[in-house]
């Protein structure tokens, strides 16, 4: 089984992608990156991060 987390905070996603936190929030706002709301916390699925990178690399 993969040890990578299933869900990432916007801050963790930004570190993983090598971009600023505000860039992740812009991607969330314009619909380029999907997220889940769990209580008050916003979380990003690992699959959605991979899909974003795949789209940007194409």
PDB file of N, CA and C in Angstrom:
ATOM      1  N   UNK A   1       0.843  -1.183   0.000  1.00  0.00           N
ATOM      2  CA  UNK A   1       0.000   0.000   0.000  1.00  0.00           C
ATOM      3  C   UNK A   1       0.891   1.251   0.000  1.00  0.00           C
ATOM      4  N   UNK A   2       0.436   2.259  -0.682  1.00  0.00           N
ATOM      5  CA  UNK A   2       1.180   3.512  -0.801  1.00  0.00           C
ATOM      6  C   UNK A   2       1.101   4.296   0.510  1.00  0.00           C
ATOM      7  N   UNK A   3       2.220   4.855   0.946  1.00  0.00           N
ATOM      8  CA  UNK A   3       2.248   5.610   2.198  1.00  0.00           C
ATOM      9  C   UNK A   3       1.854   7.070   2.027  1.00  0.00           C
ATOM     10  N   UNK A   4       1.609   7.518   0.796  1.00  0.00           N
ATOM     11  CA  UNK A   4       1.223   8.911   0.559  1.00  0.00           C
ATOM     12  C   UNK A   4      -0.178   9.153   1.115  1.00  0.00           C
ATOM     13  N   UNK A   5      -0.407  10.327   1.695  1.00  0.00           N
ATOM     14  CA  UNK A   5      -1.735  10.639   2.229  1.00  0.00           C
ATOM     15  C   UNK A   5      -2.791  10.654   1.124  1.00  0.00           C
ATOM     16  N   UNK A   6      -4.027  10.341   1.491  1.00  0.00           N
ATOM     17  CA  UNK A   6      -5.143  10.415   0.543  1.00  0.00           C
ATOM     18  C   UNK A   6      -5.593  11.850   0.335  1.00  0.00           C
ATOM     19  N   UNK A   7      -5.505  12.655   1.395  1.00  0.00           N
ATOM     20  CA  UNK A   7      -5.972  14.040   1.353  1.00  0.00           C
ATOM     21  C   UNK A   7      -4.859  14.982   1.796  1.00  0.00           C
ATOM     22  N   UNK A   8      -4.832  16.156   1.175  1.00  0.00           N
ATOM     23  CA  UNK A   8      -3.828  17.170   1.503  1.00  0.00           C
ATOM     24  C   UNK A   8      -4.520  18.482   1.841  1.00  0.00           C
ATOM     25  N   UNK A   9      -3.966  19.203   2.781  1.00  0.00           N
ATOM     26  CA  UNK A   9      -4.421  20.568   3.029  1.00  0.00           C
ATOM     27  C   UNK A   9      -3.911  21.431   1.879  1.00  0.00           C
ATOM     28  N   UNK A  10      -4.506  22.598   1.654  1.00  0.00           N
ATOM     29  CA  UNK A  10      -3.976  23.491   0.614  1.00  0.00           C
ATOM     30  C   UNK A  10      -2.499  23.826   0.836  1.00  0.00           C
ATOM     31  N   UNK A  11      -2.094  23.975   2.082  1.00  0.00           N
ATOM     32  CA  UNK A  11      -0.700  24.281   2.390  1.00  0.00           C
ATOM     33  C   UNK A  11       0.215  23.120   1.995  1.00  0.00           C
ATOM     34  N   UNK A  12      -0.201  21.897   2.323  1.00  0.00           N
ATOM     35  CA  UNK A  12       0.587  20.715   1.960  1.00  0.00           C
ATOM     36  C   UNK A  12       0.626  20.526   0.450  1.00  0.00           C
ATOM     37  N   UNK A  13      -0.502  20.773  -0.206  1.00  0.00           N
ATOM     38  CA  UNK A  13      -0.552  20.660  -1.667  1.00  0.00           C
ATOM     39  C   UNK A  13       0.391  21.671  -2.306  1.00  0.00           C
ATOM     40  N   UNK A  14       0.447  22.875  -1.763  1.00  0.00           N
ATOM     41  CA  UNK A  14       1.342  23.906  -2.297  1.00  0.00           C
ATOM     42  C   UNK A  14       2.794  23.462  -2.175  1.00  0.00           C
ATOM     43  N   UNK A  15       3.176  22.919  -1.019  1.00  0.00           N
ATOM     44  CA  UNK A  15       4.547  22.429  -0.835  1.00  0.00           C
ATOM     45  C   UNK A  15       4.854  21.297  -1.811  1.00  0.00           C
ATOM     46  N   UNK A  16       3.903  20.395  -1.976  1.00  0.00           N
ATOM     47  CA  UNK A  16       4.084  19.254  -2.867  1.00  0.00           C
ATOM     48  C   UNK A  16       4.255  19.700  -4.317  1.00  0.00           C
ATOM     49  N   UNK A  17       3.484  20.707  -4.732  1.00  0.00           N
ATOM     50  CA  UNK A  17       3.543  21.205  -6.110  1.00  0.00           C
ATOM     51  C   UNK A  17       4.675  22.199  -6.328  1.00  0.00           C
ATOM     52  N   UNK A  18       5.223  22.719  -5.250  1.00  0.00           N
ATOM     53  CA  UNK A  18       6.291  23.708  -5.367  1.00  0.00           C
ATOM     54  C   UNK A  18       5.789  25.082  -5.756  1.00  0.00           C
ATOM     55  N   UNK A  19       4.570  25.401  -5.313  1.00  0.00           N
ATOM     56  CA  UNK A  19       3.980  26.714  -5.584  1.00  0.00           C
ATOM     57  C   UNK A  19       3.555  27.341  -4.263  1.00  0.00           C
ATOM     58  N   UNK A  20       3.140  28.582  -4.312  1.00  0.00           N
ATOM     59  CA  UNK A  20       2.666  29.257  -3.116  1.00  0.00           C
ATOM     60  C   UNK A  20       1.248  28.847  -2.750  1.00  0.00           C
ATOM     61  N   UNK A  21       0.912  29.063  -1.504  1.00  0.00           N
ATOM     62  CA  UNK A  21      -0.428  28.742  -1.025  1.00  0.00           C
ATOM     63  C   UNK A  21      -1.490  29.506  -1.796  1.00  0.00           C
ATOM     64  N   UNK A  22      -1.214  30.767  -2.131  1.00  0.00           N
ATOM     65  CA  UNK A  22      -2.200  31.564  -2.867  1.00  0.00           C
ATOM     66  C   UNK A  22      -2.453  30.985  -4.253  1.00  0.00           C
ATOM     67  N   UNK A  23      -1.444  30.381  -4.864  1.00  0.00           N
ATOM     68  CA  UNK A  23      -1.639  29.744  -6.171  1.00  0.00           C
ATOM     69  C   UNK A  23      -2.605  28.577  -6.057  1.00  0.00           C
ATOM     70  N   UNK A  24      -2.476  27.788  -5.012  1.00  0.00           N
ATOM     71  CA  UNK A  24      -3.399  26.668  -4.802  1.00  0.00           C
ATOM     72  C   UNK A  24      -4.813  27.199  -4.602  1.00  0.00           C
ATOM     73  N   UNK A  25      -4.978  28.257  -3.811  1.00  0.00           N
ATOM     74  CA  UNK A  25      -6.312  28.817  -3.605  1.00  0.00           C
ATOM     75  C   UNK A  25      -6.883  29.386  -4.901  1.00  0.00           C
ATOM     76  N   UNK A  26      -6.042  29.949  -5.775  1.00  0.00           N
ATOM     77  CA  UNK A  26      -6.514  30.430  -7.078  1.00  0.00           C
ATOM     78  C   UNK A  26      -6.977  29.261  -7.943  1.00  0.00           C
ATOM     79  N   UNK A  27      -6.227  28.163  -7.934  1.00  0.00           N
ATOM     80  CA  UNK A  27      -6.624  26.975  -8.688  1.00  0.00           C
ATOM     81  C   UNK A  27      -7.944  26.410  -8.168  1.00  0.00           C
ATOM     82  N   UNK A  28      -8.141  26.444  -6.864  1.00  0.00           N
ATOM     83  CA  UNK A  28      -9.403  25.994  -6.284  1.00  0.00           C
ATOM     84  C   UNK A  28     -10.544  26.920  -6.692  1.00  0.00           C
ATOM     85  N   UNK A  29     -10.306  28.223  -6.658  1.00  0.00           N
ATOM     86  CA  UNK A  29     -11.349  29.206  -6.963  1.00  0.00           C
ATOM     87  C   UNK A  29     -11.791  29.141  -8.417  1.00  0.00           C
ATOM     88  N   UNK A  30     -10.848  28.908  -9.333  1.00  0.00           N
ATOM     89  CA  UNK A  30     -11.235  28.894 -10.751  1.00  0.00           C
ATOM     90  C   UNK A  30     -11.650  27.508 -11.245  1.00  0.00           C
ATOM     91  N   UNK A  31     -11.669  26.522 -10.347  1.00  0.00           N
ATOM     92  CA  UNK A  31     -12.148  25.193 -10.704  1.00  0.00           C
ATOM     93  C   UNK A  31     -11.102  24.293 -11.343  1.00  0.00           C
ATOM     94  N   UNK A  32      -9.867  24.750 -11.433  1.00  0.00           N
ATOM     95  CA  UNK A  32      -8.803  23.925 -12.013  1.00  0.00           C
ATOM     96  C   UNK A  32      -8.403  22.777 -11.099  1.00  0.00           C
ATOM     97  N   UNK A  33      -8.686  22.927  -9.818  1.00  0.00           N
ATOM     98  CA  UNK A  33      -8.346  21.919  -8.819  1.00  0.00           C
ATOM     99  C   UNK A  33      -9.559  21.719  -7.917  1.00  0.00           C
ATOM    100  N   UNK A  34     -10.001  20.468  -7.818  1.00  0.00           N
ATOM    101  CA  UNK A  34     -11.165  20.150  -6.991  1.00  0.00           C
ATOM    102  C   UNK A  34     -10.739  19.958  -5.537  1.00  0.00           C
ATOM    103  N   UNK A  35     -11.693  20.165  -4.631  1.00  0.00           N
ATOM    104  CA  UNK A  35     -11.411  19.950  -3.213  1.00  0.00           C
ATOM    105  C   UNK A  35     -12.670  19.485  -2.503  1.00  0.00           C
ATOM    106  N   UNK A  36     -12.468  18.997  -1.303  1.00  0.00           N
ATOM    107  CA  UNK A  36     -13.557  18.562  -0.432  1.00  0.00           C
ATOM    108  C   UNK A  36     -13.598  19.472   0.776  1.00  0.00           C
ATOM    109  N   UNK A  37     -14.776  19.672   1.308  1.00  0.00           N
ATOM    110  CA  UNK A  37     -14.921  20.423   2.547  1.00  0.00           C
ATOM    111  C   UNK A  37     -15.277  19.411   3.630  1.00  0.00           C
ATOM    112  N   UNK A  38     -14.424  19.293   4.626  1.00  0.00           N
ATOM    113  CA  UNK A  38     -14.664  18.390   5.747  1.00  0.00           C
ATOM    114  C   UNK A  38     -14.729  19.260   6.990  1.00  0.00           C
ATOM    115  N   UNK A  39     -15.929  19.476   7.474  1.00  0.00           N
ATOM    116  CA  UNK A  39     -16.119  20.447   8.549  1.00  0.00           C
ATOM    117  C   UNK A  39     -15.737  21.815   8.025  1.00  0.00           C
ATOM    118  N   UNK A  40     -14.820  22.484   8.702  1.00  0.00           N
ATOM    119  CA  UNK A  40     -14.341  23.794   8.239  1.00  0.00           C
ATOM    120  C   UNK A  40     -13.084  23.679   7.397  1.00  0.00           C
ATOM    121  N   UNK A  41     -12.552  22.463   7.301  1.00  0.00           N
ATOM    122  CA  UNK A  41     -11.276  22.261   6.606  1.00  0.00           C
ATOM    123  C   UNK A  41     -11.487  21.950   5.126  1.00  0.00           C
ATOM    124  N   UNK A  42     -10.645  22.506   4.300  1.00  0.00           N
ATOM    125  CA  UNK A  42     -10.621  22.233   2.863  1.00  0.00           C
ATOM    126  C   UNK A  42      -9.521  21.208   2.622  1.00  0.00           C
ATOM    127  N   UNK A  43      -9.845  20.118   1.911  1.00  0.00           N
ATOM    128  CA  UNK A  43      -8.866  19.069   1.629  1.00  0.00           C
ATOM    129  C   UNK A  43      -8.886  18.740   0.137  1.00  0.00           C
ATOM    130  N   UNK A  44      -7.719  18.380  -0.378  1.00  0.00           N
ATOM    131  CA  UNK A  44      -7.545  18.089  -1.792  1.00  0.00           C
ATOM    132  C   UNK A  44      -7.126  16.633  -1.926  1.00  0.00           C
ATOM    133  N   UNK A  45      -7.857  15.897  -2.759  1.00  0.00           N
ATOM    134  CA  UNK A  45      -7.535  14.484  -2.950  1.00  0.00           C
ATOM    135  C   UNK A  45      -6.248  14.325  -3.752  1.00  0.00           C
ATOM    136  N   UNK A  46      -5.495  13.299  -3.414  1.00  0.00           N
ATOM    137  CA  UNK A  46      -4.255  12.994  -4.131  1.00  0.00           C
ATOM    138  C   UNK A  46      -4.530  12.829  -5.626  1.00  0.00           C
ATOM    139  N   UNK A  47      -5.636  12.164  -5.982  1.00  0.00           N
ATOM    140  CA  UNK A  47      -5.983  11.940  -7.385  1.00  0.00           C
ATOM    141  C   UNK A  47      -6.190  13.254  -8.131  1.00  0.00           C
ATOM    142  N   UNK A  48      -6.755  14.248  -7.449  1.00  0.00           N
ATOM    143  CA  UNK A  48      -6.983  15.545  -8.083  1.00  0.00           C
ATOM    144  C   UNK A  48      -5.673  16.288  -8.316  1.00  0.00           C
ATOM    145  N   UNK A  49      -4.716  16.132  -7.413  1.00  0.00           N
ATOM    146  CA  UNK A  49      -3.395  16.735  -7.618  1.00  0.00           C
ATOM    147  C   UNK A  49      -2.681  16.081  -8.800  1.00  0.00           C
ATOM    148  N   UNK A  50      -2.763  14.760  -8.887  1.00  0.00           N
ATOM    149  CA  UNK A  50      -2.133  14.040  -9.998  1.00  0.00           C
ATOM    150  C   UNK A  50      -2.777  14.457 -11.318  1.00  0.00           C
ATOM    151  N   UNK A  51      -4.106  14.574 -11.339  1.00  0.00           N
ATOM    152  CA  UNK A  51      -4.807  14.982 -12.559  1.00  0.00           C
ATOM    153  C   UNK A  51      -4.399  16.390 -12.980  1.00  0.00           C
ATOM    154  N   UNK A  52      -4.237  17.291 -12.031  1.00  0.00           N
ATOM    155  CA  UNK A  52      -3.806  18.656 -12.346  1.00  0.00           C
ATOM    156  C   UNK A  52      -2.420  18.641 -12.984  1.00  0.00           C
ATOM    157  N   UNK A  53      -1.504  17.912 -12.393  1.00  0.00           N
ATOM    158  CA  UNK A  53      -0.144  17.839 -12.937  1.00  0.00           C
ATOM    159  C   UNK A  53      -0.171  17.227 -14.340  1.00  0.00           C
ATOM    160  N   UNK A  54      -0.981  16.195 -14.538  1.00  0.00           N
ATOM    161  CA  UNK A  54      -1.084  15.573 -15.862  1.00  0.00           C
ATOM    162  C   UNK A  54      -1.616  16.558 -16.895  1.00  0.00           C
ATOM    163  N   UNK A  55      -2.630  17.345 -16.525  1.00  0.00           N
ATOM    164  CA  UNK A  55      -3.188  18.345 -17.455  1.00  0.00           C
ATOM    165  C   UNK A  55      -2.161  19.416 -17.780  1.00  0.00           C
ATOM    166  N   UNK A  56      -1.421  19.865 -16.779  1.00  0.00           N
ATOM    167  CA  UNK A  56      -0.432  20.916 -17.005  1.00  0.00           C
ATOM    168  C   UNK A  56       0.752  20.415 -17.829  1.00  0.00           C
ATOM    169  N   UNK A  57       1.074  19.136 -17.699  1.00  0.00           N
ATOM    170  CA  UNK A  57       2.209  18.571 -18.427  1.00  0.00           C
ATOM    171  C   UNK A  57       1.870  18.288 -19.889  1.00  0.00           C
ATOM    172  N   UNK A  58       0.587  18.159 -20.195  1.00  0.00           N
ATOM    173  CA  UNK A  58       0.173  17.820 -21.574  1.00  0.00           C
ATOM    174  C   UNK A  58       0.302  18.994 -22.514  1.00  0.00           C
TER     175      UNK A  58
END
